[in-house]
Amino acid sequence: MKTRQSFGQPLATYQGVSFPIVTHYQQLEMLKWQAYRGLWLRDQGRSHTKEAATVKWLGPKYSQEAIHECLLLNGHYAYTKEMPLEQRLRDVIGLEIGDGTAQANQMVIAKQLIGKAYRSYQHSNQTERVKG
């Protein structure tokens, strides 16, 4: 995007091109910090299940979206073997399958977020039935 030109200016200077790049950069940067947090928690001997599942779920998702945007921004040229984008897209889709489905990782996160509250709710309902 820095080298391709339109109307005498690099494509990257246009908001329609630069803003999606900024969005994807920020998503991937936040995800990187979530991965660092998970690793830090693991080093501290603390639970890191939720953080690991988040990275395994959103890493490939955000990466796939960013690569797809790059394909669109580069047009037909992006589908050639001269650019690595088509191979990167296949690699990321492989991660979406290999690291557990999005739904499986979401279930892990949900159990970590609401598991205790859900168990308390179930327990209180069972206690009320016994009393009644």
Protein backbone atom coordinates (compact mmCIF):
# COMPACT_ATOMS: atom_id res chain seq x y z
CA MET A 1 0.00 0.00 0.00
CA LYS A 2 2.99 2.28 0.47
CA THR A 3 4.29 1.67 -3.05
CA ARG A 4 1.09 1.33 -5.08
CA GLN A 5 -0.14 4.68 -6.35
CA SER A 6 -3.51 6.20 -7.11
CA PHE A 7 -3.88 9.74 -8.42
CA GLY A 8 -0.17 10.29 -7.80
CA GLN A 9 -0.23 9.31 -4.12
CA PRO A 10 0.52 6.07 -2.27
CA LEU A 11 -2.67 4.13 -1.50
CA ALA A 12 -1.71 4.06 2.19
CA THR A 13 -2.29 7.82 2.41
CA TYR A 14 -6.04 7.38 1.89
CA GLN A 15 -8.22 6.86 4.96
CA GLY A 16 -10.16 4.08 3.27
CA VAL A 17 -6.93 2.11 3.10
CA SER A 18 -5.07 3.25 6.22
CA PHE A 19 -7.96 2.99 8.70
CA PRO A 20 -8.58 -0.75 8.15
CA ILE A 21 -4.84 -1.34 8.48
CA VAL A 22 -4.83 0.56 11.78
CA THR A 23 -7.85 -1.42 13.01
CA HIS A 24 -6.21 -4.77 12.26
CA TYR A 25 -2.92 -3.65 13.76
CA GLN A 26 -4.68 -2.68 17.00
CA GLN A 27 -6.65 -5.94 17.21
CA LEU A 28 -3.52 -8.02 16.72
CA GLU A 29 -1.53 -5.87 19.15
CA MET A 30 -4.20 -6.31 21.87
CA LEU A 31 -4.18 -10.04 21.22
CA LYS A 32 -0.40 -10.14 21.53
CA TRP A 33 -0.67 -8.54 24.97
CA GLN A 34 -3.34 -11.06 25.96
CA ALA A 35 -0.86 -13.80 25.02
CA TYR A 36 1.85 -12.14 27.11
CA ARG A 37 -0.60 -11.93 30.03
CA GLY A 38 -1.40 -15.63 29.73
CA LEU A 39 2.29 -16.51 29.67
CA TRP A 40 2.95 -14.28 32.68
CA LEU A 41 0.08 -15.91 34.61
CA ARG A 42 1.49 -19.34 33.76
CA ASP A 43 4.95 -18.29 34.97
CA GLN A 44 3.33 -17.17 38.25
CA GLY A 45 1.65 -20.57 38.62
CA ARG A 46 -1.80 -19.00 38.25
CA SER A 47 -4.73 -20.05 36.09
CA HIS A 48 -4.32 -18.94 32.48
CA THR A 49 -6.98 -21.07 30.79
CA LYS A 50 -9.21 -18.15 29.83
CA GLU A 51 -6.33 -16.15 28.35
CA ALA A 52 -5.00 -19.12 26.37
CA ALA A 53 -8.45 -19.92 24.97
CA THR A 54 -8.95 -16.27 24.01
CA VAL A 55 -5.69 -16.19 22.08
CA LYS A 56 -6.40 -19.53 20.39
CA TRP A 57 -9.87 -18.32 19.38
CA LEU A 58 -9.24 -14.70 18.40
CA GLY A 59 -5.70 -15.02 17.03
CA PRO A 60 -6.67 -16.89 13.89
CA LYS A 61 -9.96 -14.97 13.61
CA TYR A 62 -8.31 -11.53 13.67
CA SER A 63 -5.44 -12.74 11.50
CA GLN A 64 -7.83 -14.12 8.90
CA GLU A 65 -9.71 -10.82 8.83
CA ALA A 66 -6.47 -8.83 8.44
CA ILE A 67 -5.19 -11.06 5.64
CA HIS A 68 -8.55 -10.91 3.88
CA GLU A 69 -8.41 -7.10 4.05
CA CYS A 70 -4.90 -7.18 2.56
CA LEU A 71 -6.17 -9.36 -0.27
CA LEU A 72 -8.94 -6.88 -1.00
CA LEU A 73 -6.64 -3.86 -0.81
CA ASN A 74 -4.15 -5.44 -3.23
CA GLY A 75 -6.76 -6.58 -5.73
CA HIS A 76 -6.16 -9.37 -8.22
CA TYR A 77 -2.40 -9.20 -7.73
CA ALA A 78 -2.86 -10.53 -4.19
CA TYR A 79 -4.10 -13.86 -5.54
CA THR A 80 -0.91 -14.57 -7.43
CA LYS A 81 1.96 -16.69 -6.17
CA GLU A 82 4.15 -13.55 -6.20
CA MET A 83 2.49 -12.37 -2.98
CA PRO A 84 2.43 -14.59 0.12
CA LEU A 85 -1.13 -13.60 1.13
CA GLU A 86 -2.98 -16.59 -0.31
CA GLN A 87 -0.62 -19.00 1.50
CA ARG A 88 -0.91 -17.06 4.76
CA LEU A 89 -4.69 -17.20 4.54
CA ARG A 90 -4.59 -21.00 4.19
CA ASP A 91 -2.15 -21.24 7.10
CA VAL A 92 -4.39 -19.18 9.38
CA ILE A 93 -7.49 -21.14 8.45
CA GLY A 94 -5.54 -24.26 9.41
CA LEU A 95 -4.97 -22.73 12.86
CA GLU A 96 -8.71 -22.10 13.24
CA ILE A 97 -9.27 -25.82 12.75
CA GLY A 98 -6.20 -27.23 14.53
CA ASP A 99 -6.29 -25.24 17.77
CA GLY A 100 -9.87 -26.15 18.56
CA THR A 101 -12.94 -24.60 17.06
CA ALA A 102 -14.04 -21.09 17.99
CA GLN A 103 -17.02 -22.59 19.81
CA ALA A 104 -14.86 -24.95 21.87
CA ASN A 105 -12.61 -22.09 22.95
CA GLN A 106 -15.64 -19.93 23.73
CA MET A 107 -17.00 -22.71 25.95
CA VAL A 108 -13.71 -22.79 27.86
CA ILE A 109 -13.87 -19.01 28.34
CA ALA A 110 -17.54 -19.13 29.37
CA LYS A 111 -16.83 -21.77 32.01
CA GLN A 112 -14.04 -19.59 33.40
CA LEU A 113 -16.19 -16.44 33.42
CA ILE A 114 -19.54 -17.74 34.65
CA GLY A 115 -18.81 -21.22 35.91
CA LYS A 116 -18.81 -20.38 39.63
CA ALA A 117 -21.90 -18.20 39.38
CA TYR A 118 -23.68 -20.91 37.43
CA ARG A 119 -22.77 -23.57 39.99
CA SER A 120 -23.96 -21.33 42.82
CA TYR A 121 -27.25 -20.77 41.01
CA GLN A 122 -27.72 -24.51 40.47
CA HIS A 123 -26.82 -25.26 44.07
CA SER A 124 -29.25 -22.66 45.48
CA ASN A 125 -32.08 -24.04 43.31
CA GLN A 126 -31.42 -27.59 44.47
CA THR A 127 -31.35 -26.43 48.12
CA GLU A 128 -34.72 -24.69 47.69
CA ARG A 129 -36.26 -27.86 46.22
CA VAL A 130 -35.02 -29.94 49.15
CA LYS A 131 -36.47 -27.43 51.66
CA GLY A 132 -39.78 -27.14 49.80
